């Protein structure tokens, strides 16, 4: 089971131990998701990857509600396919 990541956590700094982001890995040891947190500990963004490229981003408000969803073209990560705005 050596080097079998499920996830790892990166903090803003080692003194305060506030989470900056969490990376998630699949069984093939490929990163498939990263969750970002703000300085107050609220999850602000989920980023989903496929073959190392961004395919989906979900933005959240401080209450954990989805507010914006960005879906990218799977061929080119820089090409935004569409955005969905959610009303709360």
C-alpha atoms as a PDB file:
ATOM      1  CA  UNK A   1       0.000   0.000   0.000  1.00  0.00           C
ATOM      2  CA  UNK A   2       2.993   2.265  -0.303  1.00  0.00           C
ATOM      3  CA  UNK A   3       2.202   5.666  -1.872  1.00  0.00           C
ATOM      4  CA  UNK A   4      -1.501   4.931  -2.332  1.00  0.00           C
ATOM      5  CA  UNK A   5      -2.991   8.387  -1.880  1.00  0.00           C
ATOM      6  CA  UNK A   6      -6.688   8.790  -1.360  1.00  0.00           C
ATOM      7  CA  UNK A   7      -6.293  12.494  -0.634  1.00  0.00           C
ATOM      8  CA  UNK A   8      -3.869  14.998   0.767  1.00  0.00           C
ATOM      9  CA  UNK A   9      -4.380  18.302   2.498  1.00  0.00           C
ATOM     10  CA  UNK A  10      -2.388  21.495   1.941  1.00  0.00           C
ATOM     11  CA  UNK A  11      -2.598  24.265   4.547  1.00  0.00           C
ATOM     12  CA  UNK A  12      -2.059  28.002   4.117  1.00  0.00           C
ATOM     13  CA  UNK A  13       0.782  27.764   6.646  1.00  0.00           C
ATOM     14  CA  UNK A  14       1.991  25.332   9.279  1.00  0.00           C
ATOM     15  CA  UNK A  15       1.320  27.621  12.241  1.00  0.00           C
ATOM     16  CA  UNK A  16      -2.424  28.180  11.887  1.00  0.00           C
ATOM     17  CA  UNK A  17      -3.130  24.867  10.103  1.00  0.00           C
ATOM     18  CA  UNK A  18      -5.956  26.341   8.047  1.00  0.00           C
ATOM     19  CA  UNK A  19      -6.798  24.250   4.998  1.00  0.00           C
ATOM     20  CA  UNK A  20      -6.012  25.821   1.634  1.00  0.00           C
ATOM     21  CA  UNK A  21      -7.037  22.849  -0.528  1.00  0.00           C
ATOM     22  CA  UNK A  22      -7.578  19.090  -0.554  1.00  0.00           C
ATOM     23  CA  UNK A  23      -6.565  16.915  -3.516  1.00  0.00           C
ATOM     24  CA  UNK A  24      -8.425  13.636  -4.185  1.00  0.00           C
ATOM     25  CA  UNK A  25      -6.986  10.683  -6.103  1.00  0.00           C
ATOM     26  CA  UNK A  26      -8.558   7.722  -7.898  1.00  0.00           C
ATOM     27  CA  UNK A  27      -7.355   4.105  -7.851  1.00  0.00           C
ATOM     28  CA  UNK A  28      -4.942   4.851 -10.708  1.00  0.00           C
ATOM     29  CA  UNK A  29      -3.258   7.491  -8.477  1.00  0.00           C
ATOM     30  CA  UNK A  30      -4.510  10.316 -10.718  1.00  0.00           C
ATOM     31  CA  UNK A  31      -5.789  13.525  -9.174  1.00  0.00           C
ATOM     32  CA  UNK A  32      -9.445  13.913 -10.120  1.00  0.00           C
ATOM     33  CA  UNK A  33     -10.668  16.654  -7.761  1.00  0.00           C
ATOM     34  CA  UNK A  34      -9.397  19.581  -5.717  1.00  0.00           C
ATOM     35  CA  UNK A  35     -11.459  21.425  -3.107  1.00  0.00           C
ATOM     36  CA  UNK A  36     -10.411  24.987  -2.214  1.00  0.00           C
ATOM     37  CA  UNK A  37     -11.215  26.692   1.086  1.00  0.00           C
ATOM     38  CA  UNK A  38     -11.160  30.343   2.081  1.00  0.00           C
ATOM     39  CA  UNK A  39      -9.292  31.735   5.076  1.00  0.00           C
ATOM     40  CA  UNK A  40     -12.368  31.175   7.276  1.00  0.00           C
ATOM     41  CA  UNK A  41     -12.569  27.453   6.466  1.00  0.00           C
ATOM     42  CA  UNK A  42     -15.513  27.557   4.044  1.00  0.00           C
ATOM     43  CA  UNK A  43     -15.298  25.477   0.882  1.00  0.00           C
ATOM     44  CA  UNK A  44     -15.354  27.990  -1.963  1.00  0.00           C
ATOM     45  CA  UNK A  45     -14.533  25.909  -5.041  1.00  0.00           C
ATOM     46  CA  UNK A  46     -14.486  22.313  -6.279  1.00  0.00           C
ATOM     47  CA  UNK A  47     -12.383  21.684  -9.371  1.00  0.00           C
ATOM     48  CA  UNK A  48     -12.776  18.397 -11.286  1.00  0.00           C
ATOM     49  CA  UNK A  49     -10.043  17.094 -13.571  1.00  0.00           C
ATOM     50  CA  UNK A  50      -9.838  14.589 -16.394  1.00  0.00           C
ATOM     51  CA  UNK A  51      -6.416  13.655 -17.769  1.00  0.00           C
ATOM     52  CA  UNK A  52      -4.945  16.571 -15.812  1.00  0.00           C
ATOM     53  CA  UNK A  53      -7.260  19.150 -17.407  1.00  0.00           C
ATOM     54  CA  UNK A  54     -10.040  21.116 -15.735  1.00  0.00           C
ATOM     55  CA  UNK A  55     -13.453  19.900 -16.906  1.00  0.00           C
ATOM     56  CA  UNK A  56     -15.749  21.346 -14.228  1.00  0.00           C
ATOM     57  CA  UNK A  57     -15.625  24.032 -11.543  1.00  0.00           C
ATOM     58  CA  UNK A  58     -18.270  24.539  -8.866  1.00  0.00           C
ATOM     59  CA  UNK A  59     -18.262  27.730  -6.783  1.00  0.00           C
ATOM     60  CA  UNK A  60     -19.994  27.899  -3.395  1.00  0.00           C
ATOM     61  CA  UNK A  61     -21.162  30.671  -1.091  1.00  0.00           C
ATOM     62  CA  UNK A  62     -20.295  30.701   2.633  1.00  0.00           C
ATOM     63  CA  UNK A  63     -23.464  28.687   3.378  1.00  0.00           C
ATOM     64  CA  UNK A  64     -22.262  25.849   1.131  1.00  0.00           C
ATOM     65  CA  UNK A  65     -24.782  26.540  -1.637  1.00  0.00           C
ATOM     66  CA  UNK A  66     -23.706  26.097  -5.238  1.00  0.00           C
ATOM     67  CA  UNK A  67     -23.776  29.489  -6.954  1.00  0.00           C
ATOM     68  CA  UNK A  68     -21.765  29.105 -10.181  1.00  0.00           C
ATOM     69  CA  UNK A  69     -20.869  26.091 -12.274  1.00  0.00           C
ATOM     70  CA  UNK A  70     -18.354  26.288 -15.118  1.00  0.00           C
ATOM     71  CA  UNK A  71     -18.045  23.437 -17.591  1.00  0.00           C
ATOM     72  CA  UNK A  72     -15.009  23.346 -19.849  1.00  0.00           C
ATOM     73  CA  UNK A  73     -14.396  21.735 -23.189  1.00  0.00           C
ATOM     74  CA  UNK A  74     -12.607  18.467 -22.419  1.00  0.00           C
ATOM     75  CA  UNK A  75     -10.247  18.921 -25.364  1.00  0.00           C
ATOM     76  CA  UNK A  76      -8.993  22.410 -24.425  1.00  0.00           C
ATOM     77  CA  UNK A  77      -9.053  23.426 -20.760  1.00  0.00           C
ATOM     78  CA  UNK A  78      -9.012  27.102 -21.669  1.00  0.00           C
ATOM     79  CA  UNK A  79     -12.252  26.851 -23.659  1.00  0.00           C
ATOM     80  CA  UNK A  80     -15.229  27.443 -21.416  1.00  0.00           C
ATOM     81  CA  UNK A  81     -18.201  25.518 -22.791  1.00  0.00           C
ATOM     82  CA  UNK A  82     -20.852  27.152 -20.584  1.00  0.00           C
ATOM     83  CA  UNK A  83     -21.614  28.696 -17.198  1.00  0.00           C
ATOM     84  CA  UNK A  84     -24.650  28.080 -15.006  1.00  0.00           C
ATOM     85  CA  UNK A  85     -25.630  30.641 -12.373  1.00  0.00           C
ATOM     86  CA  UNK A  86     -27.780  29.378  -9.505  1.00  0.00           C
ATOM     87  CA  UNK A  87     -30.234  31.519  -7.572  1.00  0.00           C
ATOM     88  CA  UNK A  88     -30.468  30.962  -3.849  1.00  0.00           C
END
